[in-house]
Amino acid sequence: MDGNQIFFRLVNPLTRAIARSPLHPLISDNIVVLIFPGIKSGRIYSIPVSYLETSDKEMVCLTDRPYIWWRNLINNKNIQILLRGKLLNAEVEVEFENDDLIAEKLTAMC
């Protein structure tokens, strides 16, 4: 386990707790929690990620490819998100091959 993984294992539970609480405005402009079942295990995952809204109906979230949780979303198009203190249904599209598009979205987020 590398330093980033240890960091996120410590920070993610706190981030999820804040996202569900009345204190969610502290992080809601930058963080959304993705809630989805694992493809093989069926276990429910809640992953806080940074996001950028690109329109009223679309947002972009990015993660590092070596983290494997996002693979659960490739064939799992319908998930829930915790956004601004509200639990919402969402459709997901995962892009992991088009490096130019990924670079464009990353640049927009920074």
PDB file of N, CA and C in Angstrom:
ATOM      1  N   MET A   1       0.855  -1.176   0.000  1.00  0.00           N
ATOM      2  CA  MET A   1       0.000   0.000   0.000  1.00  0.00           C
ATOM      3  C   MET A   1       0.900   1.239   0.000  1.00  0.00           C
ATOM      4  N   ASP A   2       0.664   2.126  -0.961  1.00  0.00           N
ATOM      5  CA  ASP A   2       1.505   3.323  -1.033  1.00  0.00           C
ATOM      6  C   ASP A   2       0.948   4.436  -0.134  1.00  0.00           C
ATOM      7  N   GLY A   3       1.685   5.531  -0.052  1.00  0.00           N
ATOM      8  CA  GLY A   3       1.301   6.641   0.820  1.00  0.00           C
ATOM      9  C   GLY A   3      -0.049   7.241   0.481  1.00  0.00           C
ATOM     10  N   ASN A   4      -0.371   7.337  -0.827  1.00  0.00           N
ATOM     11  CA  ASN A   4      -1.671   7.878  -1.227  1.00  0.00           C
ATOM     12  C   ASN A   4      -2.808   6.988  -0.759  1.00  0.00           C
ATOM     13  N   GLN A   5      -2.644   5.685  -0.891  1.00  0.00           N
ATOM     14  CA  GLN A   5      -3.691   4.763  -0.457  1.00  0.00           C
ATOM     15  C   GLN A   5      -3.929   4.871   1.044  1.00  0.00           C
ATOM     16  N   ILE A   6      -2.869   4.975   1.809  1.00  0.00           N
ATOM     17  CA  ILE A   6      -3.008   5.141   3.260  1.00  0.00           C
ATOM     18  C   ILE A   6      -3.730   6.445   3.566  1.00  0.00           C
ATOM     19  N   PHE A   7      -3.343   7.510   2.882  1.00  0.00           N
ATOM     20  CA  PHE A   7      -3.977   8.813   3.079  1.00  0.00           C
ATOM     21  C   PHE A   7      -5.482   8.727   2.823  1.00  0.00           C
ATOM     22  N   PHE A   8      -5.871   8.139   1.683  1.00  0.00           N
ATOM     23  CA  PHE A   8      -7.291   8.077   1.342  1.00  0.00           C
ATOM     24  C   PHE A   8      -8.068   7.151   2.275  1.00  0.00           C
ATOM     25  N   ARG A   9      -7.436   6.098   2.774  1.00  0.00           N
ATOM     26  CA  ARG A   9      -8.118   5.229   3.743  1.00  0.00           C
ATOM     27  C   ARG A   9      -8.417   5.966   5.047  1.00  0.00           C
ATOM     28  N   LEU A  10      -7.601   6.941   5.367  1.00  0.00           N
ATOM     29  CA  LEU A  10      -7.834   7.744   6.568  1.00  0.00           C
ATOM     30  C   LEU A  10      -8.820   8.880   6.313  1.00  0.00           C
ATOM     31  N   VAL A  11      -8.700   9.530   5.168  1.00  0.00           N
ATOM     32  CA  VAL A  11      -9.488  10.729   4.877  1.00  0.00           C
ATOM     33  C   VAL A  11     -10.893  10.409   4.357  1.00  0.00           C
ATOM     34  N   ASN A  12     -11.049   9.354   3.567  1.00  0.00           N
ATOM     35  CA  ASN A  12     -12.349   9.077   2.953  1.00  0.00           C
ATOM     36  C   ASN A  12     -13.489   8.890   3.953  1.00  0.00           C
ATOM     37  N   PRO A  13     -13.314   8.160   5.057  1.00  0.00           N
ATOM     38  CA  PRO A  13     -14.424   8.043   6.011  1.00  0.00           C
ATOM     39  C   PRO A  13     -14.856   9.399   6.583  1.00  0.00           C
ATOM     40  N   LEU A  14     -13.901  10.263   6.859  1.00  0.00           N
ATOM     41  CA  LEU A  14     -14.225  11.603   7.355  1.00  0.00           C
ATOM     42  C   LEU A  14     -14.961  12.405   6.283  1.00  0.00           C
ATOM     43  N   THR A  15     -14.495  12.317   5.054  1.00  0.00           N
ATOM     44  CA  THR A  15     -15.132  13.034   3.949  1.00  0.00           C
ATOM     45  C   THR A  15     -16.564  12.556   3.752  1.00  0.00           C
ATOM     46  N   ARG A  16     -16.787  11.242   3.789  1.00  0.00           N
ATOM     47  CA  ARG A  16     -18.151  10.701   3.657  1.00  0.00           C
ATOM     48  C   ARG A  16     -19.048  11.198   4.790  1.00  0.00           C
ATOM     49  N   ALA A  17     -18.526  11.220   5.999  1.00  0.00           N
ATOM     50  CA  ALA A  17     -19.314  11.687   7.147  1.00  0.00           C
ATOM     51  C   ALA A  17     -19.698  13.154   6.988  1.00  0.00           C
ATOM     52  N   ILE A  18     -18.774  13.983   6.551  1.00  0.00           N
ATOM     53  CA  ILE A  18     -19.085  15.403   6.330  1.00  0.00           C
ATOM     54  C   ILE A  18     -20.106  15.545   5.213  1.00  0.00           C
ATOM     55  N   ALA A  19     -19.964  14.768   4.136  1.00  0.00           N
ATOM     56  CA  ALA A  19     -20.884  14.855   2.995  1.00  0.00           C
ATOM     57  C   ALA A  19     -22.316  14.517   3.391  1.00  0.00           C
ATOM     58  N   ARG A  20     -22.497  13.646   4.390  1.00  0.00           N
ATOM     59  CA  ARG A  20     -23.837  13.259   4.854  1.00  0.00           C
ATOM     60  C   ARG A  20     -24.384  14.180   5.941  1.00  0.00           C
ATOM     61  N   SER A  21     -23.585  15.079   6.428  1.00  0.00           N
ATOM     62  CA  SER A  21     -23.960  15.885   7.588  1.00  0.00           C
ATOM     63  C   SER A  21     -24.421  17.285   7.183  1.00  0.00           C
ATOM     64  N   PRO A  22     -24.939  18.041   8.155  1.00  0.00           N
ATOM     65  CA  PRO A  22     -25.272  19.445   7.884  1.00  0.00           C
ATOM     66  C   PRO A  22     -24.043  20.291   7.537  1.00  0.00           C
ATOM     67  N   LEU A  23     -22.852  19.753   7.750  1.00  0.00           N
ATOM     68  CA  LEU A  23     -21.621  20.472   7.408  1.00  0.00           C
ATOM     69  C   LEU A  23     -21.216  20.279   5.947  1.00  0.00           C
ATOM     70  N   HIS A  24     -22.040  19.580   5.161  1.00  0.00           N
ATOM     71  CA  HIS A  24     -21.666  19.278   3.780  1.00  0.00           C
ATOM     72  C   HIS A  24     -21.290  20.499   2.942  1.00  0.00           C
ATOM     73  N   PRO A  25     -21.822  21.717   3.204  1.00  0.00           N
ATOM     74  CA  PRO A  25     -21.387  22.862   2.384  1.00  0.00           C
ATOM     75  C   PRO A  25     -19.875  23.129   2.440  1.00  0.00           C
ATOM     76  N   LEU A  26     -19.202  22.620   3.467  1.00  0.00           N
ATOM     77  CA  LEU A  26     -17.750  22.801   3.551  1.00  0.00           C
ATOM     78  C   LEU A  26     -17.015  22.123   2.392  1.00  0.00           C
ATOM     79  N   ILE A  27     -17.594  21.048   1.849  1.00  0.00           N
ATOM     80  CA  ILE A  27     -16.917  20.301   0.786  1.00  0.00           C
ATOM     81  C   ILE A  27     -17.740  20.158  -0.490  1.00  0.00           C
ATOM     82  N   SER A  28     -19.007  20.524  -0.451  1.00  0.00           N
ATOM     83  CA  SER A  28     -19.919  20.219  -1.554  1.00  0.00           C
ATOM     84  C   SER A  28     -19.585  20.899  -2.872  1.00  0.00           C
ATOM     85  N   ASP A  29     -18.836  21.978  -2.854  1.00  0.00           N
ATOM     86  CA  ASP A  29     -18.473  22.627  -4.114  1.00  0.00           C
ATOM     87  C   ASP A  29     -17.406  21.849  -4.872  1.00  0.00           C
ATOM     88  N   ASN A  30     -16.722  20.927  -4.194  1.00  0.00           N
ATOM     89  CA  ASN A  30     -15.606  20.211  -4.821  1.00  0.00           C
ATOM     90  C   ASN A  30     -15.708  18.691  -4.770  1.00  0.00           C
ATOM     91  N   ILE A  31     -16.510  18.161  -3.850  1.00  0.00           N
ATOM     92  CA  ILE A  31     -16.522  16.716  -3.607  1.00  0.00           C
ATOM     93  C   ILE A  31     -17.923  16.150  -3.812  1.00  0.00           C
ATOM     94  N   VAL A  32     -17.995  15.038  -4.524  1.00  0.00           N
ATOM     95  CA  VAL A  32     -19.211  14.244  -4.661  1.00  0.00           C
ATOM     96  C   VAL A  32     -18.855  12.828  -4.206  1.00  0.00           C
ATOM     97  N   VAL A  33     -19.814  12.137  -3.598  1.00  0.00           N
ATOM     98  CA  VAL A  33     -19.585  10.756  -3.178  1.00  0.00           C
ATOM     99  C   VAL A  33     -20.321   9.845  -4.153  1.00  0.00           C
ATOM    100  N   LEU A  34     -19.573   8.963  -4.806  1.00  0.00           N
ATOM    101  CA  LEU A  34     -20.147   7.982  -5.717  1.00  0.00           C
ATOM    102  C   LEU A  34     -20.502   6.739  -4.910  1.00  0.00           C
ATOM    103  N   ILE A  35     -21.726   6.235  -5.068  1.00  0.00           N
ATOM    104  CA  ILE A  35     -22.198   5.078  -4.302  1.00  0.00           C
ATOM    105  C   ILE A  35     -22.634   4.012  -5.303  1.00  0.00           C
ATOM    106  N   PHE A  36     -22.002   2.837  -5.237  1.00  0.00           N
ATOM    107  CA  PHE A  36     -22.251   1.808  -6.242  1.00  0.00           C
ATOM    108  C   PHE A  36     -21.868   0.440  -5.693  1.00  0.00           C
ATOM    109  N   PRO A  37     -22.472  -0.627  -6.244  1.00  0.00           N
ATOM    110  CA  PRO A  37     -22.100  -1.976  -5.811  1.00  0.00           C
ATOM    111  C   PRO A  37     -20.875  -2.476  -6.559  1.00  0.00           C
ATOM    112  N   GLY A  38     -20.073  -3.270  -5.878  1.00  0.00           N
ATOM    113  CA  GLY A  38     -18.966  -3.948  -6.544  1.00  0.00           C
ATOM    114  C   GLY A  38     -19.514  -4.977  -7.513  1.00  0.00           C
ATOM    115  N   ILE A  39     -18.908  -5.094  -8.671  1.00  0.00           N
ATOM    116  CA  ILE A  39     -19.396  -6.012  -9.697  1.00  0.00           C
ATOM    117  C   ILE A  39     -19.351  -7.461  -9.224  1.00  0.00           C
ATOM    118  N   LYS A  40     -18.271  -7.885  -8.632  1.00  0.00           N
ATOM    119  CA  LYS A  40     -18.140  -9.280  -8.196  1.00  0.00           C
ATOM    120  C   LYS A  40     -18.724  -9.515  -6.813  1.00  0.00           C
ATOM    121  N   SER A  41     -18.424  -8.615  -5.879  1.00  0.00           N
ATOM    122  CA  SER A  41     -18.795  -8.842  -4.477  1.00  0.00           C
ATOM    123  C   SER A  41     -20.205  -8.381  -4.139  1.00  0.00           C
ATOM    124  N   GLY A  42     -20.712  -7.389  -4.873  1.00  0.00           N
ATOM    125  CA  GLY A  42     -21.994  -6.791  -4.521  1.00  0.00           C
ATOM    126  C   GLY A  42     -21.885  -5.821  -3.358  1.00  0.00           C
ATOM    127  N   ARG A  43     -20.700  -5.726  -2.775  1.00  0.00           N
ATOM    128  CA  ARG A  43     -20.467  -4.802  -1.658  1.00  0.00           C
ATOM    129  C   ARG A  43     -20.714  -3.369  -2.126  1.00  0.00           C
ATOM    130  N   ILE A  44     -21.332  -2.562  -1.280  1.00  0.00           N
ATOM    131  CA  ILE A  44     -21.602  -1.169  -1.622  1.00  0.00           C
ATOM    132  C   ILE A  44     -20.377  -0.324  -1.283  1.00  0.00           C
ATOM    133  N   TYR A  45     -19.902   0.386  -2.279  1.00  0.00           N
ATOM    134  CA  TYR A  45     -18.764   1.293  -2.119  1.00  0.00           C
ATOM    135  C   TYR A  45     -19.261   2.730  -2.110  1.00  0.00           C
ATOM    136  N   SER A  46     -18.635   3.565  -1.310  1.00  0.00           N
ATOM    137  CA  SER A  46     -18.897   5.012  -1.266  1.00  0.00           C
ATOM    138  C   SER A  46     -17.551   5.701  -1.415  1.00  0.00           C
ATOM    139  N   ILE A  47     -17.324   6.275  -2.585  1.00  0.00           N
ATOM    140  CA  ILE A  47     -16.017   6.840  -2.905  1.00  0.00           C
ATOM    141  C   ILE A  47     -16.137   8.347  -3.116  1.00  0.00           C
ATOM    142  N   PRO A  48     -15.543   9.157  -2.247  1.00  0.00           N
ATOM    143  CA  PRO A  48     -15.525  10.606  -2.469  1.00  0.00           C
ATOM    144  C   PRO A  48     -14.516  10.949  -3.566  1.00  0.00           C
ATOM    145  N   VAL A  49     -14.948  11.780  -4.507  1.00  0.00           N
ATOM    146  CA  VAL A  49     -14.066  12.215  -5.592  1.00  0.00           C
ATOM    147  C   VAL A  49     -14.283  13.701  -5.862  1.00  0.00           C
ATOM    148  N   SER A  50     -13.264  14.326  -6.415  1.00  0.00           N
ATOM    149  CA  SER A  50     -13.400  15.709  -6.876  1.00  0.00           C
ATOM    150  C   SER A  50     -14.231  15.706  -8.148  1.00  0.00           C
ATOM    151  N   TYR A  51     -14.945  16.803  -8.381  1.00  0.00           N
ATOM    152  CA  TYR A  51     -15.759  16.872  -9.588  1.00  0.00           C
ATOM    153  C   TYR A  51     -15.751  18.283 -10.153  1.00  0.00           C
ATOM    154  N   LEU A  52     -16.149  18.360 -11.419  1.00  0.00           N
ATOM    155  CA  LEU A  52     -16.356  19.620 -12.115  1.00  0.00           C
ATOM    156  C   LEU A  52     -17.665  19.495 -12.866  1.00  0.00           C
ATOM    157  N   GLU A  53     -18.587  20.407 -12.606  1.00  0.00           N
ATOM    158  CA  GLU A  53     -19.833  20.416 -13.372  1.00  0.00           C
ATOM    159  C   GLU A  53     -19.566  21.078 -14.715  1.00  0.00           C
ATOM    160  N   THR A  54     -19.890  20.363 -15.795  1.00  0.00           N
ATOM    161  CA  THR A  54     -19.685  20.908 -17.130  1.00  0.00           C
ATOM    162  C   THR A  54     -20.985  21.418 -17.736  1.00  0.00           C
ATOM    163  N   SER A  55     -22.113  21.030 -17.144  1.00  0.00           N
ATOM    164  CA  SER A  55     -23.428  21.528 -17.548  1.00  0.00           C
ATOM    165  C   SER A  55     -24.399  21.213 -16.423  1.00  0.00           C
ATOM    166  N   ASP A  56     -25.670  21.569 -16.614  1.00  0.00           N
ATOM    167  CA  ASP A  56     -26.676  21.282 -15.589  1.00  0.00           C
ATOM    168  C   ASP A  56     -26.837  19.789 -15.341  1.00  0.00           C
ATOM    169  N   LYS A  57     -26.546  18.987 -16.337  1.00  0.00           N
ATOM    170  CA  LYS A  57     -26.799  17.549 -16.234  1.00  0.00           C
ATOM    171  C   LYS A  57     -25.531  16.697 -16.304  1.00  0.00           C
ATOM    172  N   GLU A  58     -24.364  17.328 -16.336  1.00  0.00           N
ATOM    173  CA  GLU A  58     -23.137  16.548 -16.498  1.00  0.00           C
ATOM    174  C   GLU A  58     -22.041  17.042 -15.562  1.00  0.00           C
ATOM    175  N   MET A  59     -21.294  16.078 -15.040  1.00  0.00           N
ATOM    176  CA  MET A  59     -20.115  16.407 -14.246  1.00  0.00           C
ATOM    177  C   MET A  59     -18.998  15.453 -14.623  1.00  0.00           C
ATOM    178  N   VAL A  60     -17.791  15.896 -14.384  1.00  0.00           N
ATOM    179  CA  VAL A  60     -16.601  15.100 -14.662  1.00  0.00           C
ATOM    180  C   VAL A  60     -15.915  14.806 -13.335  1.00  0.00           C
ATOM    181  N   CYS A  61     -15.571  13.537 -13.139  1.00  0.00           N
ATOM    182  CA  CYS A  61     -14.802  13.107 -11.970  1.00  0.00           C
ATOM    183  C   CYS A  61     -13.576  12.371 -12.492  1.00  0.00           C
ATOM    184  N   LEU A  62     -12.458  12.581 -11.847  1.00  0.00           N
ATOM    185  CA  LEU A  62     -11.219  11.926 -12.273  1.00  0.00           C
ATOM    186  C   LEU A  62     -10.577  11.192 -11.110  1.00  0.00           C
ATOM    187  N   THR A  63      -9.921  10.087 -11.439  1.00  0.00           N
ATOM    188  CA  THR A  63      -9.120   9.355 -10.465  1.00  0.00           C
ATOM    189  C   THR A  63      -7.895   8.804 -11.185  1.00  0.00           C
ATOM    190  N   ASP A  64      -6.939   8.368 -10.443  1.00  0.00           N
ATOM    191  CA  ASP A  64      -5.726   7.799 -11.013  1.00  0.00           C
ATOM    192  C   ASP A  64      -6.009   6.372 -11.488  1.00  0.00           C
ATOM    193  N   ARG A  65      -5.564   6.011 -12.667  1.00  0.00           N
ATOM    194  CA  ARG A  65      -5.835   4.680 -13.231  1.00  0.00           C
ATOM    195  C   ARG A  65      -5.433   3.518 -12.321  1.00  0.00           C
ATOM    196  N   PRO A  66      -4.303   3.584 -11.618  1.00  0.00           N
ATOM    197  CA  PRO A  66      -3.934   2.433 -10.782  1.00  0.00           C
ATOM    198  C   PRO A  66      -4.962   2.094  -9.693  1.00  0.00           C
ATOM    199  N   TYR A  67      -5.767   3.068  -9.264  1.00  0.00           N
ATOM    200  CA  TYR A  67      -6.819   2.749  -8.300  1.00  0.00           C
ATOM    201  C   TYR A  67      -7.897   1.983  -9.041  1.00  0.00           C
ATOM    202  N   ILE A  68      -8.281   0.835  -8.525  1.00  0.00           N
ATOM    203  CA  ILE A  68      -9.124  -0.062  -9.308  1.00  0.00           C
ATOM    204  C   ILE A  68     -10.623   0.086  -9.066  1.00  0.00           C
ATOM    205  N   TRP A  69     -11.039   0.888  -8.104  1.00  0.00           N
ATOM    206  CA  TRP A  69     -12.462   0.976  -7.783  1.00  0.00           C
ATOM    207  C   TRP A  69     -13.299   1.396  -8.979  1.00  0.00           C
ATOM    208  N   TRP A  70     -12.784   2.251  -9.851  1.00  0.00           N
ATOM    209  CA  TRP A  70     -13.546   2.791 -10.981  1.00  0.00           C
ATOM    210  C   TRP A  70     -13.937   1.718 -11.981  1.00  0.00           C
ATOM    211  N   ARG A  71     -13.239   0.590 -11.972  1.00  0.00           N
ATOM    212  CA  ARG A  71     -13.582  -0.494 -12.903  1.00  0.00           C
ATOM    213  C   ARG A  71     -14.972  -1.053 -12.631  1.00  0.00           C
ATOM    214  N   ASN A  72     -15.455  -0.903 -11.409  1.00  0.00           N
ATOM    215  CA  ASN A  72     -16.811  -1.333 -11.081  1.00  0.00           C
ATOM    216  C   ASN A  72     -17.860  -0.516 -11.821  1.00  0.00           C
ATOM    217  N   LEU A  73     -17.479   0.634 -12.347  1.00  0.00           N
ATOM    218  CA  LEU A  73     -18.432   1.515 -13.020  1.00  0.00           C
ATOM    219  C   LEU A  73     -18.494   1.289 -14.529  1.00  0.00           C
ATOM    220  N   ILE A  74     -17.586   0.504 -15.083  1.00  0.00           N
ATOM    221  CA  ILE A  74     -17.566   0.300 -16.536  1.00  0.00           C
ATOM    222  C   ILE A  74     -18.867  -0.332 -17.015  1.00  0.00           C
ATOM    223  N   ASN A  75     -19.333  -1.363 -16.342  1.00  0.00           N
ATOM    224  CA  ASN A  75     -20.575  -2.041 -16.735  1.00  0.00           C
ATOM    225  C   ASN A  75     -21.724  -1.759 -15.780  1.00  0.00           C
ATOM    226  N   ASN A  76     -21.560  -0.783 -14.939  1.00  0.00           N
ATOM    227  CA  ASN A  76     -22.575  -0.417 -13.952  1.00  0.00           C
ATOM    228  C   ASN A  76     -22.954   1.037 -14.217  1.00  0.00           C
ATOM    229  N   LYS A  77     -23.855   1.256 -15.132  1.00  0.00           N
ATOM    230  CA  LYS A  77     -24.135   2.607 -15.626  1.00  0.00           C
ATOM    231  C   LYS A  77     -24.994   3.448 -14.684  1.00  0.00           C
ATOM    232  N   ASN A  78     -25.755   2.810 -13.812  1.00  0.00           N
ATOM    233  CA  ASN A  78     -26.652   3.548 -12.917  1.00  0.00           C
ATOM    234  C   ASN A  78     -26.177   3.408 -11.483  1.00  0.00           C
ATOM    235  N   ILE A  79     -25.856   4.548 -10.886  1.00  0.00           N
ATOM    236  CA  ILE A  79     -25.365   4.567  -9.510  1.00  0.00           C
ATOM    237  C   ILE A  79     -26.122   5.650  -8.744  1.00  0.00           C
ATOM    238  N   GLN A  80     -25.752   5.828  -7.507  1.00  0.00           N
ATOM    239  CA  GLN A  80     -26.239   6.963  -6.724  1.00  0.00           C
ATOM    240  C   GLN A  80     -25.057   7.869  -6.422  1.00  0.00           C
ATOM    241  N   ILE A  81     -25.364   9.146  -6.247  1.00  0.00           N
ATOM    242  CA  ILE A  81     -24.339  10.100  -5.836  1.00  0.00           C
ATOM    243  C   ILE A  81     -24.880  10.909  -4.666  1.00  0.00           C
ATOM    244  N   LEU A  82     -23.986  11.306  -3.800  1.00  0.00           N
ATOM    245  CA  LEU A  82     -24.316  12.212  -2.709  1.00  0.00           C
ATOM    246  C   LEU A  82     -23.719  13.555  -3.091  1.00  0.00           C
ATOM    247  N   LEU A  83     -24.587  14.468  -3.527  1.00  0.00           N
ATOM    248  CA  LEU A  83     -24.167  15.760  -4.049  1.00  0.00           C
ATOM    249  C   LEU A  83     -24.884  16.863  -3.293  1.00  0.00           C
ATOM    250  N   ARG A  84     -24.118  17.730  -2.681  1.00  0.00           N
ATOM    251  CA  ARG A  84     -24.664  18.859  -1.920  1.00  0.00           C
ATOM    252  C   ARG A  84     -25.702  18.404  -0.885  1.00  0.00           C
ATOM    253  N   GLY A  85     -25.386  17.302  -0.220  1.00  0.00           N
ATOM    254  CA  GLY A  85     -26.243  16.799   0.845  1.00  0.00           C
ATOM    255  C   GLY A  85     -27.453  16.018   0.380  1.00  0.00           C
ATOM    256  N   LYS A  86     -27.605  15.800  -0.936  1.00  0.00           N
ATOM    257  CA  LYS A  86     -28.761  15.076  -1.475  1.00  0.00           C
ATOM    258  C   LYS A  86     -28.309  13.787  -2.145  1.00  0.00           C
ATOM    259  N   LEU A  87     -29.056  12.718  -1.890  1.00  0.00           N
ATOM    260  CA  LEU A  87     -28.801  11.439  -2.534  1.00  0.00           C
ATOM    261  C   LEU A  87     -29.577  11.414  -3.848  1.00  0.00           C
ATOM    262  N   LEU A  88     -28.863  11.265  -4.957  1.00  0.00           N
ATOM    263  CA  LEU A  88     -29.461  11.336  -6.289  1.00  0.00           C
ATOM    264  C   LEU A  88     -29.084  10.108  -7.109  1.00  0.00           C
ATOM    265  N   ASN A  89     -29.941   9.760  -8.057  1.00  0.00           N
ATOM    266  CA  ASN A  89     -29.603   8.727  -9.030  1.00  0.00           C
ATOM    267  C   ASN A  89     -28.804   9.375 -10.150  1.00  0.00           C
ATOM    268  N   ALA A  90     -27.854   8.633 -10.699  1.00  0.00           N
ATOM    269  CA  ALA A  90     -27.006   9.187 -11.753  1.00  0.00           C
ATOM    270  C   ALA A  90     -26.613   8.093 -12.741  1.00  0.00           C
ATOM    271  N   GLU A  91     -26.394   8.508 -13.976  1.00  0.00           N
ATOM    272  CA  GLU A  91     -25.838   7.627 -15.002  1.00  0.00           C
ATOM    273  C   GLU A  91     -24.349   7.907 -15.114  1.00  0.00           C
ATOM    274  N   VAL A  92     -23.574   6.856 -15.345  1.00  0.00           N
ATOM    275  CA  VAL A  92     -22.122   6.973 -15.380  1.00  0.00           C
ATOM    276  C   VAL A  92     -21.600   6.520 -16.739  1.00  0.00           C
ATOM    277  N   GLU A  93     -20.621   7.250 -17.224  1.00  0.00           N
ATOM    278  CA  GLU A  93     -19.864   6.832 -18.403  1.00  0.00           C
ATOM    279  C   GLU A  93     -18.388   6.896 -18.024  1.00  0.00           C
ATOM    280  N   VAL A  94     -17.694   5.786 -18.162  1.00  0.00           N
ATOM    281  CA  VAL A  94     -16.282   5.715 -17.776  1.00  0.00           C
ATOM    282  C   VAL A  94     -15.410   5.800 -19.026  1.00  0.00           C
ATOM    283  N   GLU A  95     -14.471   6.725 -19.007  1.00  0.00           N
ATOM    284  CA  GLU A  95     -13.487   6.843 -20.093  1.00  0.00           C
ATOM    285  C   GLU A  95     -12.111   6.571 -19.505  1.00  0.00           C
ATOM    286  N   PHE A  96     -11.449   5.543 -20.010  1.00  0.00           N
ATOM    287  CA  PHE A  96     -10.120   5.223 -19.496  1.00  0.00           C
ATOM    288  C   PHE A  96      -9.108   4.967 -20.602  1.00  0.00           C
ATOM    289  N   GLU A  97      -9.529   5.098 -21.864  1.00  0.00           N
ATOM    290  CA  GLU A  97      -8.619   4.818 -22.972  1.00  0.00           C
ATOM    291  C   GLU A  97      -8.223   6.058 -23.769  1.00  0.00           C
ATOM    292  N   ASN A  98      -9.079   7.042 -23.848  1.00  0.00           N
ATOM    293  CA  ASN A  98      -8.818   8.233 -24.658  1.00  0.00           C
ATOM    294  C   ASN A  98      -7.999   9.232 -23.842  1.00  0.00           C
ATOM    295  N   ASP A  99      -6.690   9.127 -23.945  1.00  0.00           N
ATOM    296  CA  ASP A  99      -5.802   9.976 -23.144  1.00  0.00           C
ATOM    297  C   ASP A  99      -5.966  11.459 -23.455  1.00  0.00           C
ATOM    298  N   ASP A 100      -6.262  11.798 -24.708  1.00  0.00           N
ATOM    299  CA  ASP A 100      -6.450  13.209 -25.069  1.00  0.00           C
ATOM    300  C   ASP A 100      -7.673  13.793 -24.365  1.00  0.00           C
ATOM    301  N   LEU A 101      -8.777  13.050 -24.364  1.00  0.00           N
ATOM    302  CA  LEU A 101      -9.990  13.515 -23.686  1.00  0.00           C
ATOM    303  C   LEU A 101      -9.760  13.616 -22.182  1.00  0.00           C
ATOM    304  N   ILE A 102      -9.091  12.637 -21.621  1.00  0.00           N
ATOM    305  CA  ILE A 102      -8.798  12.655 -20.184  1.00  0.00           C
ATOM    306  C   ILE A 102      -7.940  13.865 -19.836  1.00  0.00           C
ATOM    307  N   ALA A 103      -6.929  14.143 -20.646  1.00  0.00           N
ATOM    308  CA  ALA A 103      -6.061  15.307 -20.409  1.00  0.00           C
ATOM    309  C   ALA A 103      -6.856  16.606 -20.506  1.00  0.00           C
ATOM    310  N   GLU A 104      -7.774  16.675 -21.467  1.00  0.00           N
ATOM    311  CA  GLU A 104      -8.618  17.870 -21.623  1.00  0.00           C
ATOM    312  C   GLU A 104      -9.480  18.095 -20.379  1.00  0.00           C
ATOM    313  N   LYS A 105     -10.099  17.039 -19.870  1.00  0.00           N
ATOM    314  CA  LYS A 105     -10.955  17.154 -18.679  1.00  0.00           C
ATOM    315  C   LYS A 105     -10.124  17.496 -17.444  1.00  0.00           C
ATOM    316  N   LEU A 106      -8.943  16.904 -17.337  1.00  0.00           N
ATOM    317  CA  LEU A 106      -8.064  17.205 -16.206  1.00  0.00           C
ATOM    318  C   LEU A 106      -7.642  18.664 -16.228  1.00  0.00           C
ATOM    319  N   THR A 107      -7.314  19.175 -17.391  1.00  0.00           N
ATOM    320  CA  THR A 107      -6.943  20.587 -17.531  1.00  0.00           C
ATOM    321  C   THR A 107      -8.101  21.488 -17.121  1.00  0.00           C
ATOM    322  N   ALA A 108      -9.317  21.119 -17.508  1.00  0.00           N
ATOM    323  CA  ALA A 108     -10.493  21.921 -17.147  1.00  0.00           C
ATOM    324  C   ALA A 108     -10.715  21.941 -15.640  1.00  0.00           C
ATOM    325  N   MET A 109     -10.362  20.856 -14.964  1.00  0.00           N
ATOM    326  CA  MET A 109     -10.563  20.784 -13.513  1.00  0.00           C
ATOM    327  C   MET A 109      -9.528  21.595 -12.742  1.00  0.00           C
ATOM    328  N   CYS A 110      -8.366  21.806 -13.330  1.00  0.00           N
ATOM    329  CA  CYS A 110      -7.274  22.479 -12.613  1.00  0.00           C
ATOM    330  C   CYS A 110      -7.293  23.978 -12.774  1.00  0.00           C
TER     331      CYS A 110
END
